[in-house]
Amino acid sequence: MTQRKSRADRRADLVDAARRAVIRHGAEGVHLNQIAEMAGLTSGAVLYHYPDLRDLLIEAHHAGMERFYEQRIRKAGGIADPAQKLVTTIRSGLPEGPDDAGVRLLCELGGAAGRNPVYGSLLTTLFDRQVSMYQAILETGAAQGVFTLAGGSETIGRNLVALEDAYGYRVIARHHSIDAEAAVELVLGYARLATGHPLDGAVPQPR
């Protein structure tokens, strides 16, 4: 006998379906029936769990953005060496390839941010949190004498996040000479200049 899914599990499935629908149809072009189709449910069943479709879409975007802050914090949390932590953090913020669903979702969200203040606020908050994440690594490394920073930690952090965004989009757009590993190396090139550290021995194996 098939076990019936809990309400929490069903809502999680709908969040995942909404993310996939946004990637396929765009942040502003997605409709209720498309999410229902992705979830294998009727539109009424979707509305039973999320009477306001906007709440589902915002939750889907929150879940997608978790990867680019909370998960990165956890991934680097057990690393003591600031150089290795910096490299790991850079790698985890870039696409694994052109079909990376998490980065594609952010690209769709970014395209709509100028017209949708909620999406714009979500992306602004994510950007600021990522900058703070980098600041903590940079300042720890400087305090330990591992890094010699070429500027303020906030400026370097902002540039690192901006480079992630720019090169991540190039990977998703299938640029002919910028694949996932090339993007990592390009961001690391700036990080080496900004920290005065070669970041060579600290580079972990590709994901």
N, C-alpha and C. Protein backbone atom coordinates (compact mmCIF):
# COMPACT_ATOMS: atom_id res chain seq x y z
N MET A 1 0.84 -1.19 0.00
CA MET A 1 0.00 0.00 0.00
C MET A 1 0.88 1.25 0.00
N THR A 2 0.62 2.18 -0.90
CA THR A 2 1.41 3.40 -1.00
C THR A 2 1.09 4.35 0.15
N GLN A 3 2.15 4.81 0.81
CA GLN A 3 1.96 5.71 1.94
C GLN A 3 1.62 7.11 1.43
N ARG A 4 0.61 7.71 2.01
CA ARG A 4 0.19 9.03 1.59
C ARG A 4 1.20 10.07 2.08
N LYS A 5 1.52 11.02 1.21
CA LYS A 5 2.49 12.05 1.59
C LYS A 5 1.90 13.00 2.62
N SER A 6 2.79 13.46 3.49
CA SER A 6 2.37 14.45 4.49
C SER A 6 2.16 15.80 3.81
N ARG A 7 1.51 16.70 4.52
CA ARG A 7 1.29 18.04 3.98
C ARG A 7 2.63 18.75 3.73
N ALA A 8 3.57 18.55 4.64
CA ALA A 8 4.89 19.18 4.47
C ALA A 8 5.60 18.65 3.24
N ASP A 9 5.52 17.32 3.02
CA ASP A 9 6.15 16.73 1.85
C ASP A 9 5.49 17.22 0.56
N ARG A 10 4.17 17.33 0.60
CA ARG A 10 3.46 17.79 -0.59
C ARG A 10 3.84 19.24 -0.90
N ARG A 11 3.96 20.07 0.12
CA ARG A 11 4.35 21.46 -0.09
C ARG A 11 5.79 21.54 -0.63
N ALA A 12 6.67 20.68 -0.14
CA ALA A 12 8.04 20.64 -0.64
C ALA A 12 8.06 20.25 -2.12
N ASP A 13 7.21 19.29 -2.49
CA ASP A 13 7.11 18.90 -3.90
C ASP A 13 6.63 20.06 -4.76
N LEU A 14 5.70 20.84 -4.24
CA LEU A 14 5.18 21.98 -4.99
C LEU A 14 6.24 23.08 -5.14
N VAL A 15 7.03 23.28 -4.12
CA VAL A 15 8.12 24.26 -4.20
C VAL A 15 9.10 23.84 -5.30
N ASP A 16 9.44 22.55 -5.33
CA ASP A 16 10.35 22.06 -6.36
C ASP A 16 9.72 22.20 -7.75
N ALA A 17 8.43 21.88 -7.86
CA ALA A 17 7.74 22.02 -9.14
C ALA A 17 7.71 23.47 -9.60
N ALA A 18 7.50 24.39 -8.66
CA ALA A 18 7.48 25.81 -9.00
C ALA A 18 8.84 26.27 -9.49
N ARG A 19 9.89 25.80 -8.87
CA ARG A 19 11.24 26.16 -9.32
C ARG A 19 11.47 25.69 -10.75
N ARG A 20 11.08 24.46 -11.04
CA ARG A 20 11.29 23.93 -12.38
C ARG A 20 10.43 24.66 -13.41
N ALA A 21 9.23 25.05 -13.01
CA ALA A 21 8.35 25.78 -13.92
C ALA A 21 8.90 27.17 -14.22
N VAL A 22 9.47 27.82 -13.21
CA VAL A 22 10.06 29.14 -13.42
C VAL A 22 11.25 29.05 -14.38
N ILE A 23 12.07 28.03 -14.22
CA ILE A 23 13.22 27.84 -15.11
C ILE A 23 12.76 27.65 -16.55
N ARG A 24 11.67 26.91 -16.73
CA ARG A 24 11.19 26.64 -18.08
C ARG A 24 10.43 27.82 -18.68
N HIS A 25 9.62 28.50 -17.87
CA HIS A 25 8.71 29.51 -18.42
C HIS A 25 9.06 30.94 -18.04
N GLY A 26 10.01 31.14 -17.13
CA GLY A 26 10.39 32.48 -16.72
C GLY A 26 9.70 32.91 -15.43
N ALA A 27 10.34 33.81 -14.71
CA ALA A 27 9.82 34.23 -13.41
C ALA A 27 8.50 34.96 -13.52
N GLU A 28 8.29 35.65 -14.63
CA GLU A 28 7.04 36.40 -14.81
C GLU A 28 6.06 35.70 -15.75
N GLY A 29 6.52 34.65 -16.42
CA GLY A 29 5.65 33.99 -17.39
C GLY A 29 5.02 32.70 -16.90
N VAL A 30 5.36 32.29 -15.67
CA VAL A 30 4.86 31.01 -15.18
C VAL A 30 3.41 31.14 -14.71
N HIS A 31 2.61 30.09 -14.97
CA HIS A 31 1.20 30.10 -14.60
C HIS A 31 0.89 28.89 -13.70
N LEU A 32 -0.25 29.00 -13.05
CA LEU A 32 -0.68 27.97 -12.11
C LEU A 32 -0.72 26.59 -12.77
N ASN A 33 -1.31 26.51 -13.96
CA ASN A 33 -1.46 25.20 -14.61
C ASN A 33 -0.11 24.58 -14.96
N GLN A 34 0.90 25.42 -15.21
CA GLN A 34 2.23 24.90 -15.53
C GLN A 34 2.89 24.30 -14.30
N ILE A 35 2.70 24.94 -13.16
CA ILE A 35 3.23 24.38 -11.91
C ILE A 35 2.51 23.09 -11.57
N ALA A 36 1.19 23.09 -11.75
CA ALA A 36 0.41 21.88 -11.48
C ALA A 36 0.88 20.73 -12.35
N GLU A 37 1.15 21.02 -13.61
CA GLU A 37 1.63 19.97 -14.53
C GLU A 37 2.96 19.42 -14.08
N MET A 38 3.86 20.30 -13.66
CA MET A 38 5.17 19.87 -13.17
C MET A 38 5.03 18.97 -11.94
N ALA A 39 4.04 19.29 -11.10
CA ALA A 39 3.85 18.54 -9.85
C ALA A 39 3.00 17.29 -10.05
N GLY A 40 2.38 17.15 -11.24
CA GLY A 40 1.50 16.01 -11.47
C GLY A 40 0.20 16.10 -10.69
N LEU A 41 -0.27 17.36 -10.48
CA LEU A 41 -1.49 17.59 -9.71
C LEU A 41 -2.44 18.49 -10.51
N THR A 42 -3.63 18.64 -10.00
CA THR A 42 -4.57 19.58 -10.59
C THR A 42 -4.26 20.99 -10.05
N SER A 43 -4.75 22.00 -10.75
CA SER A 43 -4.57 23.37 -10.28
C SER A 43 -5.24 23.56 -8.93
N GLY A 44 -6.38 22.91 -8.73
CA GLY A 44 -7.08 23.02 -7.45
C GLY A 44 -6.26 22.45 -6.31
N ALA A 45 -5.54 21.37 -6.57
CA ALA A 45 -4.70 20.77 -5.53
C ALA A 45 -3.56 21.70 -5.15
N VAL A 46 -3.00 22.39 -6.15
CA VAL A 46 -1.95 23.36 -5.85
C VAL A 46 -2.50 24.48 -4.97
N LEU A 47 -3.66 24.99 -5.33
CA LEU A 47 -4.27 26.09 -4.58
C LEU A 47 -4.70 25.66 -3.18
N TYR A 48 -4.96 24.39 -2.99
CA TYR A 48 -5.31 23.89 -1.66
C TYR A 48 -4.14 24.13 -0.70
N HIS A 49 -2.93 23.91 -1.18
CA HIS A 49 -1.74 24.09 -0.34
C HIS A 49 -1.23 25.53 -0.37
N TYR A 50 -1.41 26.21 -1.50
CA TYR A 50 -0.96 27.60 -1.65
C TYR A 50 -2.08 28.41 -2.30
N PRO A 51 -3.03 28.91 -1.49
CA PRO A 51 -4.15 29.69 -2.05
C PRO A 51 -3.69 30.91 -2.84
N ASP A 52 -2.55 31.48 -2.46
CA ASP A 52 -1.99 32.62 -3.20
C ASP A 52 -0.73 32.13 -3.91
N LEU A 53 -0.79 32.09 -5.24
CA LEU A 53 0.33 31.57 -6.02
C LEU A 53 1.62 32.33 -5.76
N ARG A 54 1.51 33.63 -5.43
CA ARG A 54 2.70 34.42 -5.17
C ARG A 54 3.49 33.88 -3.98
N ASP A 55 2.79 33.36 -2.98
CA ASP A 55 3.47 32.79 -1.82
C ASP A 55 4.30 31.57 -2.22
N LEU A 56 3.75 30.76 -3.11
CA LEU A 56 4.49 29.57 -3.58
C LEU A 56 5.73 29.99 -4.36
N LEU A 57 5.59 30.98 -5.23
CA LEU A 57 6.72 31.41 -6.04
C LEU A 57 7.82 32.03 -5.17
N ILE A 58 7.43 32.82 -4.18
CA ILE A 58 8.43 33.41 -3.29
C ILE A 58 9.14 32.32 -2.48
N GLU A 59 8.38 31.34 -2.02
CA GLU A 59 8.99 30.24 -1.27
C GLU A 59 9.95 29.44 -2.15
N ALA A 60 9.57 29.27 -3.42
CA ALA A 60 10.44 28.56 -4.37
C ALA A 60 11.74 29.32 -4.58
N HIS A 61 11.65 30.64 -4.66
CA HIS A 61 12.86 31.43 -4.84
C HIS A 61 13.72 31.41 -3.59
N HIS A 62 13.10 31.45 -2.41
CA HIS A 62 13.85 31.35 -1.16
C HIS A 62 14.61 30.02 -1.10
N ALA A 63 13.91 28.94 -1.46
CA ALA A 63 14.54 27.61 -1.42
C ALA A 63 15.70 27.54 -2.40
N GLY A 64 15.52 28.15 -3.57
CA GLY A 64 16.59 28.14 -4.55
C GLY A 64 17.80 28.93 -4.09
N MET A 65 17.57 30.04 -3.42
CA MET A 65 18.67 30.89 -2.99
C MET A 65 19.39 30.35 -1.76
N GLU A 66 18.79 29.42 -1.05
CA GLU A 66 19.44 28.83 0.13
C GLU A 66 20.80 28.26 -0.25
N ARG A 67 20.87 27.69 -1.44
CA ARG A 67 22.12 27.08 -1.90
C ARG A 67 23.27 28.07 -1.92
N PHE A 68 22.97 29.32 -2.20
CA PHE A 68 24.03 30.29 -2.43
C PHE A 68 24.43 31.06 -1.17
N TYR A 69 23.84 30.69 -0.04
CA TYR A 69 24.31 31.26 1.22
C TYR A 69 24.38 30.18 2.30
N GLU A 70 23.23 29.68 2.76
CA GLU A 70 23.22 28.73 3.87
C GLU A 70 24.07 27.49 3.56
N GLN A 71 23.89 26.93 2.38
CA GLN A 71 24.63 25.71 2.05
C GLN A 71 26.12 25.98 1.92
N ARG A 72 26.47 27.16 1.43
CA ARG A 72 27.88 27.49 1.29
C ARG A 72 28.53 27.70 2.66
N ILE A 73 27.80 28.32 3.56
CA ILE A 73 28.29 28.49 4.93
C ILE A 73 28.56 27.13 5.56
N ARG A 74 27.60 26.21 5.39
CA ARG A 74 27.79 24.87 5.97
C ARG A 74 28.96 24.14 5.32
N LYS A 75 29.10 24.28 4.01
CA LYS A 75 30.15 23.55 3.28
C LYS A 75 31.54 23.99 3.73
N ALA A 76 31.70 25.29 3.97
CA ALA A 76 33.01 25.81 4.35
C ALA A 76 33.21 25.85 5.87
N GLY A 77 32.16 25.55 6.61
CA GLY A 77 32.21 25.71 8.06
C GLY A 77 33.26 24.87 8.75
N GLY A 78 33.55 23.69 8.23
CA GLY A 78 34.51 22.82 8.89
C GLY A 78 35.93 23.00 8.41
N ILE A 79 36.19 24.00 7.58
CA ILE A 79 37.53 24.23 7.03
C ILE A 79 38.23 25.32 7.84
N ALA A 80 39.39 24.99 8.39
CA ALA A 80 40.11 25.95 9.25
C ALA A 80 40.96 26.92 8.44
N ASP A 81 41.58 26.43 7.37
CA ASP A 81 42.49 27.25 6.58
C ASP A 81 41.71 28.28 5.77
N PRO A 82 41.93 29.59 5.97
CA PRO A 82 41.17 30.61 5.24
C PRO A 82 41.32 30.52 3.73
N ALA A 83 42.51 30.13 3.25
CA ALA A 83 42.72 30.03 1.80
C ALA A 83 41.87 28.93 1.21
N GLN A 84 41.87 27.76 1.86
CA GLN A 84 41.05 26.66 1.37
C GLN A 84 39.57 27.01 1.48
N LYS A 85 39.20 27.70 2.56
CA LYS A 85 37.81 28.10 2.74
C LYS A 85 37.38 29.06 1.63
N LEU A 86 38.28 29.97 1.26
CA LEU A 86 37.95 30.92 0.20
C LEU A 86 37.75 30.21 -1.13
N VAL A 87 38.64 29.29 -1.46
CA VAL A 87 38.53 28.56 -2.72
C VAL A 87 37.24 27.74 -2.75
N THR A 88 36.95 27.05 -1.66
CA THR A 88 35.74 26.24 -1.58
C THR A 88 34.49 27.10 -1.76
N THR A 89 34.51 28.27 -1.14
CA THR A 89 33.36 29.17 -1.23
C THR A 89 33.18 29.69 -2.64
N ILE A 90 34.27 30.04 -3.30
CA ILE A 90 34.19 30.50 -4.69
C ILE A 90 33.62 29.40 -5.58
N ARG A 91 34.15 28.21 -5.44
CA ARG A 91 33.67 27.09 -6.27
C ARG A 91 32.18 26.83 -6.07
N SER A 92 31.72 26.91 -4.85
CA SER A 92 30.33 26.55 -4.56
C SER A 92 29.35 27.63 -5.00
N GLY A 93 29.86 28.79 -5.42
CA GLY A 93 28.97 29.85 -5.88
C GLY A 93 28.82 29.91 -7.38
N LEU A 94 29.51 29.03 -8.09
CA LEU A 94 29.47 29.03 -9.55
C LEU A 94 28.73 27.80 -10.08
N PRO A 95 28.22 27.87 -11.30
CA PRO A 95 27.47 26.73 -11.84
C PRO A 95 28.36 25.50 -12.01
N GLU A 96 27.73 24.36 -11.89
CA GLU A 96 28.44 23.11 -12.18
C GLU A 96 28.47 22.85 -13.68
N GLY A 97 27.64 23.57 -14.42
CA GLY A 97 27.56 23.42 -15.87
C GLY A 97 26.42 24.27 -16.39
N PRO A 98 26.21 24.29 -17.70
CA PRO A 98 25.18 25.15 -18.28
C PRO A 98 23.75 24.78 -17.90
N ASP A 99 23.55 23.57 -17.42
CA ASP A 99 22.20 23.14 -17.04
C ASP A 99 21.96 23.22 -15.53
N ASP A 100 22.84 23.89 -14.82
CA ASP A 100 22.71 24.01 -13.36
C ASP A 100 21.40 24.71 -13.02
N ALA A 101 20.48 23.97 -12.40
CA ALA A 101 19.13 24.49 -12.16
C ALA A 101 19.12 25.66 -11.18
N GLY A 102 19.97 25.60 -10.16
CA GLY A 102 19.99 26.67 -9.17
C GLY A 102 20.41 27.99 -9.76
N VAL A 103 21.44 27.98 -10.59
CA VAL A 103 21.92 29.22 -11.21
C VAL A 103 20.94 29.70 -12.27
N ARG A 104 20.35 28.77 -13.00
CA ARG A 104 19.35 29.17 -13.99
C ARG A 104 18.15 29.85 -13.33
N LEU A 105 17.77 29.36 -12.15
CA LEU A 105 16.68 30.00 -11.41
C LEU A 105 17.04 31.43 -11.04
N LEU A 106 18.27 31.64 -10.56
CA LEU A 106 18.70 32.99 -10.20
C LEU A 106 18.73 33.90 -11.42
N CYS A 107 19.12 33.36 -12.57
CA CYS A 107 19.13 34.17 -13.80
C CYS A 107 17.71 34.62 -14.16
N GLU A 108 16.75 33.72 -14.02
CA GLU A 108 15.36 34.08 -14.30
C GLU A 108 14.87 35.13 -13.31
N LEU A 109 15.23 34.95 -12.06
CA LEU A 109 14.84 35.90 -11.02
C LEU A 109 15.46 37.26 -11.27
N GLY A 110 16.74 37.26 -11.68
CA GLY A 110 17.43 38.51 -11.95
C GLY A 110 16.81 39.26 -13.12
N GLY A 111 16.34 38.52 -14.12
CA GLY A 111 15.73 39.16 -15.27
C GLY A 111 14.43 39.88 -14.92
N ALA A 112 13.75 39.42 -13.89
CA ALA A 112 12.47 40.01 -13.49
C ALA A 112 12.62 41.03 -12.37
N ALA A 113 13.81 41.11 -11.77
CA ALA A 113 13.99 41.92 -10.57
C ALA A 113 13.72 43.40 -10.80
N GLY A 114 14.03 43.91 -11.99
CA GLY A 114 13.82 45.31 -12.25
C GLY A 114 12.36 45.71 -12.31
N ARG A 115 11.48 44.73 -12.56
CA ARG A 115 10.04 45.00 -12.66
C ARG A 115 9.27 44.49 -11.46
N ASN A 116 9.90 43.67 -10.66
CA ASN A 116 9.22 43.07 -9.52
C ASN A 116 10.00 43.41 -8.24
N PRO A 117 9.49 44.32 -7.41
CA PRO A 117 10.24 44.75 -6.23
C PRO A 117 10.50 43.62 -5.23
N VAL A 118 9.62 42.63 -5.18
CA VAL A 118 9.84 41.51 -4.26
C VAL A 118 11.07 40.71 -4.69
N TYR A 119 11.14 40.39 -5.98
CA TYR A 119 12.29 39.66 -6.49
C TYR A 119 13.57 40.50 -6.33
N GLY A 120 13.44 41.80 -6.59
CA GLY A 120 14.60 42.67 -6.41
C GLY A 120 15.10 42.68 -4.98
N SER A 121 14.19 42.70 -4.03
CA SER A 121 14.56 42.68 -2.62
C SER A 121 15.23 41.36 -2.24
N LEU A 122 14.71 40.26 -2.76
CA LEU A 122 15.30 38.95 -2.48
C LEU A 122 16.74 38.89 -2.97
N LEU A 123 16.97 39.37 -4.18
CA LEU A 123 18.31 39.32 -4.74
C LEU A 123 19.25 40.27 -4.02
N THR A 124 18.76 41.43 -3.62
CA THR A 124 19.60 42.37 -2.88
C THR A 124 20.02 41.79 -1.54
N THR A 125 19.08 41.15 -0.87
CA THR A 125 19.39 40.52 0.42
C THR A 125 20.42 39.40 0.23
N LEU A 126 20.24 38.59 -0.80
CA LEU A 126 21.19 37.52 -1.06
C LEU A 126 22.57 38.08 -1.34
N PHE A 127 22.64 39.11 -2.16
CA PHE A 127 23.94 39.73 -2.49
C PHE A 127 24.64 40.19 -1.22
N ASP A 128 23.93 40.92 -0.37
CA ASP A 128 24.54 41.46 0.85
C ASP A 128 24.99 40.34 1.79
N ARG A 129 24.23 39.27 1.87
CA ARG A 129 24.62 38.15 2.74
C ARG A 129 25.86 37.46 2.19
N GLN A 130 25.94 37.31 0.87
CA GLN A 130 27.13 36.70 0.28
C GLN A 130 28.37 37.56 0.50
N VAL A 131 28.21 38.88 0.39
CA VAL A 131 29.33 39.78 0.64
C VAL A 131 29.82 39.62 2.08
N SER A 132 28.89 39.57 3.02
CA SER A 132 29.26 39.37 4.42
C SER A 132 29.97 38.04 4.64
N MET A 133 29.53 37.02 3.93
CA MET A 133 30.16 35.71 4.00
C MET A 133 31.62 35.79 3.58
N TYR A 134 31.86 36.47 2.46
CA TYR A 134 33.25 36.64 2.00
C TYR A 134 34.05 37.53 2.95
N GLN A 135 33.44 38.58 3.47
CA GLN A 135 34.14 39.46 4.40
C GLN A 135 34.69 38.69 5.60
N ALA A 136 33.88 37.79 6.12
CA ALA A 136 34.31 37.02 7.29
C ALA A 136 35.54 36.18 6.97
N ILE A 137 35.56 35.57 5.78
CA ILE A 137 36.71 34.75 5.38
C ILE A 137 37.94 35.63 5.17
N LEU A 138 37.76 36.74 4.48
CA LEU A 138 38.88 37.64 4.17
C LEU A 138 39.47 38.25 5.44
N GLU A 139 38.63 38.69 6.35
CA GLU A 139 39.13 39.33 7.57
C GLU A 139 39.81 38.32 8.49
N THR A 140 39.28 37.10 8.52
CA THR A 140 39.94 36.05 9.32
C THR A 140 41.32 35.75 8.74
N GLY A 141 41.37 35.62 7.41
CA GLY A 141 42.66 35.34 6.77
C GLY A 141 43.66 36.46 6.99
N ALA A 142 43.19 37.71 6.94
CA ALA A 142 44.09 38.85 7.17
C ALA A 142 44.58 38.87 8.62
N ALA A 143 43.68 38.59 9.55
CA ALA A 143 44.05 38.60 10.97
C ALA A 143 45.08 37.51 11.29
N GLN A 144 45.01 36.41 10.56
CA GLN A 144 45.94 35.30 10.78
C GLN A 144 47.23 35.45 9.99
N GLY A 145 47.33 36.51 9.19
CA GLY A 145 48.53 36.72 8.39
C GLY A 145 48.58 35.87 7.14
N VAL A 146 47.47 35.23 6.79
CA VAL A 146 47.41 34.39 5.59
C VAL A 146 47.19 35.26 4.35
N PHE A 147 46.35 36.29 4.48
CA PHE A 147 46.05 37.19 3.37
C PHE A 147 46.64 38.58 3.63
N THR A 148 47.06 39.21 2.56
CA THR A 148 47.40 40.62 2.58
C THR A 148 46.41 41.31 1.63
N LEU A 149 45.37 41.87 2.19
CA LEU A 149 44.28 42.37 1.37
C LEU A 149 44.68 43.63 0.59
N ALA A 150 44.29 43.68 -0.68
CA ALA A 150 44.61 44.80 -1.55
C ALA A 150 43.62 45.95 -1.40
N GLY A 151 42.60 45.77 -0.59
CA GLY A 151 41.59 46.79 -0.37
C GLY A 151 40.71 46.40 0.79
N GLY A 152 39.61 47.11 0.98
CA GLY A 152 38.70 46.78 2.06
C GLY A 152 38.00 45.45 1.82
N SER A 153 37.70 44.75 2.89
CA SER A 153 37.08 43.43 2.76
C SER A 153 35.70 43.52 2.10
N GLU A 154 34.98 44.60 2.35
CA GLU A 154 33.66 44.74 1.73
C GLU A 154 33.78 44.92 0.22
N THR A 155 34.71 45.72 -0.21
CA THR A 155 34.91 45.93 -1.66
C THR A 155 35.33 44.64 -2.34
N ILE A 156 36.26 43.93 -1.74
CA ILE A 156 36.71 42.65 -2.32
C ILE A 156 35.55 41.66 -2.35
N GLY A 157 34.79 41.60 -1.26
CA GLY A 157 33.65 40.70 -1.21
C GLY A 157 32.63 41.02 -2.28
N ARG A 158 32.34 42.31 -2.46
CA ARG A 158 31.39 42.71 -3.49
C ARG A 158 31.88 42.31 -4.88
N ASN A 159 33.17 42.51 -5.14
CA ASN A 159 33.71 42.14 -6.43
C ASN A 159 33.66 40.63 -6.66
N LEU A 160 33.91 39.85 -5.62
CA LEU A 160 33.84 38.40 -5.76
C LEU A 160 32.43 37.95 -6.10
N VAL A 161 31.44 38.49 -5.41
CA VAL A 161 30.06 38.12 -5.69
C VAL A 161 29.65 38.57 -7.10
N ALA A 162 30.07 39.78 -7.48
CA ALA A 162 29.75 40.27 -8.82
C ALA A 162 30.38 39.41 -9.90
N LEU A 163 31.60 38.96 -9.68
CA LEU A 163 32.27 38.09 -10.65
C LEU A 163 31.57 36.74 -10.73
N GLU A 164 31.15 36.21 -9.58
CA GLU A 164 30.37 34.96 -9.58
C GLU A 164 29.14 35.11 -10.47
N ASP A 165 28.42 36.21 -10.26
CA ASP A 165 27.20 36.44 -11.03
C ASP A 165 27.50 36.54 -12.53
N ALA A 166 28.52 37.32 -12.86
CA ALA A 166 28.83 37.56 -14.27
C ALA A 166 29.30 36.30 -14.97
N TYR A 167 30.24 35.60 -14.37
CA TYR A 167 30.77 34.40 -15.03
C TYR A 167 29.78 33.24 -14.94
N GLY A 168 28.99 33.22 -13.87
CA GLY A 168 27.94 32.20 -13.79
C GLY A 168 26.97 32.31 -14.94
N TYR A 169 26.60 33.55 -15.27
CA TYR A 169 25.69 33.76 -16.41
C TYR A 169 26.35 33.32 -17.71
N ARG A 170 27.64 33.58 -17.87
CA ARG A 170 28.33 33.15 -19.10
C ARG A 170 28.29 31.64 -19.25
N VAL A 171 28.47 30.93 -18.14
CA VAL A 171 28.41 29.46 -18.20
C VAL A 171 27.01 29.01 -18.61
N ILE A 172 25.98 29.59 -17.99
CA ILE A 172 24.61 29.23 -18.32
C ILE A 172 24.29 29.56 -19.77
N ALA A 173 24.86 30.65 -20.28
CA ALA A 173 24.64 31.06 -21.67
C ALA A 173 25.49 30.26 -22.65
N ARG A 174 26.27 29.33 -22.13
CA ARG A 174 27.11 28.44 -22.96
C ARG A 174 28.12 29.22 -23.79
N HIS A 175 28.80 30.14 -23.13
CA HIS A 175 29.87 30.88 -23.79
C HIS A 175 30.91 29.90 -24.31
N HIS A 176 31.40 30.13 -25.51
CA HIS A 176 32.25 29.14 -26.17
C HIS A 176 33.59 28.91 -25.48
N SER A 177 34.05 29.87 -24.68
CA SER A 177 35.36 29.68 -24.04
C SER A 177 35.32 29.79 -22.52
N ILE A 178 34.12 29.89 -21.94
CA ILE A 178 34.02 29.98 -20.47
C ILE A 178 33.10 28.87 -19.98
N ASP A 179 33.72 27.74 -19.60
CA ASP A 179 32.94 26.66 -18.99
C ASP A 179 33.05 26.79 -17.47
N ALA A 180 32.55 25.80 -16.76
CA ALA A 180 32.51 25.89 -15.31
C ALA A 180 33.89 26.04 -14.69
N GLU A 181 34.85 25.25 -15.13
CA GLU A 181 36.20 25.32 -14.56
C GLU A 181 36.90 26.61 -14.96
N ALA A 182 36.67 27.09 -16.18
CA ALA A 182 37.27 28.37 -16.59
C ALA A 182 36.72 29.50 -15.73
N ALA A 183 35.43 29.45 -15.41
CA ALA A 183 34.83 30.48 -14.57
C ALA A 183 35.45 30.47 -13.18
N VAL A 184 35.65 29.30 -12.62
CA VAL A 184 36.29 29.20 -11.30
C VAL A 184 37.68 29.84 -11.35
N GLU A 185 38.45 29.52 -12.38
CA GLU A 185 39.81 30.04 -12.47
C GLU A 185 39.83 31.56 -12.65
N LEU A 186 38.88 32.09 -13.39
CA LEU A 186 38.80 33.54 -13.58
C LEU A 186 38.52 34.27 -12.27
N VAL A 187 37.60 33.73 -11.48
CA VAL A 187 37.31 34.35 -10.19
C VAL A 187 38.49 34.19 -9.24
N LEU A 188 39.12 33.02 -9.27
CA LEU A 188 40.29 32.81 -8.43
C LEU A 188 41.42 33.76 -8.81
N GLY A 189 41.53 34.09 -10.10
CA GLY A 189 42.57 35.03 -10.53
C GLY A 189 42.43 36.37 -9.84
N TYR A 190 41.19 36.86 -9.74
CA TYR A 190 40.98 38.11 -9.00
C TYR A 190 41.26 37.90 -7.51
N ALA A 191 40.81 36.78 -6.96
CA ALA A 191 41.00 36.52 -5.53
C ALA A 191 42.48 36.48 -5.17
N ARG A 192 43.31 35.97 -6.05
CA ARG A 192 44.76 35.94 -5.79
C ARG A 192 45.31 37.36 -5.69
N LEU A 193 44.91 38.20 -6.61
CA LEU A 193 45.37 39.59 -6.57
C LEU A 193 44.86 40.32 -5.33
N ALA A 194 43.62 40.04 -4.96
CA ALA A 194 42.99 40.75 -3.85
C ALA A 194 43.50 40.31 -2.49
N THR A 195 44.00 39.07 -2.40
CA THR A 195 44.44 38.54 -1.10
C THR A 195 45.95 38.41 -0.98
N GLY A 196 46.69 38.54 -2.09
CA GLY A 196 48.12 38.33 -2.03
C GLY A 196 48.50 36.89 -1.74
N HIS A 197 47.59 35.97 -2.03
CA HIS A 197 47.83 34.55 -1.75
C HIS A 197 47.70 33.78 -3.06
N PRO A 198 48.59 32.80 -3.34
CA PRO A 198 48.52 32.07 -4.61
C PRO A 198 47.29 31.17 -4.74
N LEU A 199 46.71 30.77 -3.63
CA LEU A 199 45.51 29.92 -3.63
C LEU A 199 45.68 28.68 -4.48
N ASP A 200 46.91 28.19 -4.54
CA ASP A 200 47.18 27.00 -5.35
C ASP A 200 47.07 25.72 -4.53
N GLY A 201 47.84 25.64 -3.46
CA GLY A 201 47.79 24.44 -2.64
C GLY A 201 46.47 24.26 -1.97
N ALA A 202 45.68 25.34 -1.92
CA ALA A 202 44.38 25.27 -1.24
C ALA A 202 43.26 24.81 -2.16
N VAL A 203 43.56 24.68 -3.46
CA VAL A 203 42.49 24.36 -4.41
C VAL A 203 42.07 22.92 -4.25
N PRO A 204 40.79 22.66 -3.90
CA PRO A 204 40.30 21.29 -3.77
C PRO A 204 40.03 20.67 -5.12
N GLN A 205 39.77 19.38 -5.14
CA GLN A 205 39.42 18.70 -6.38
C GLN A 205 38.13 19.25 -6.93
N PRO A 206 37.96 19.26 -8.28
CA PRO A 206 36.69 19.72 -8.86
C PRO A 206 35.53 18.95 -8.30
N ARG A 207 34.35 19.61 -8.25
CA ARG A 207 33.16 19.01 -7.67
C ARG A 207 32.71 17.80 -8.47
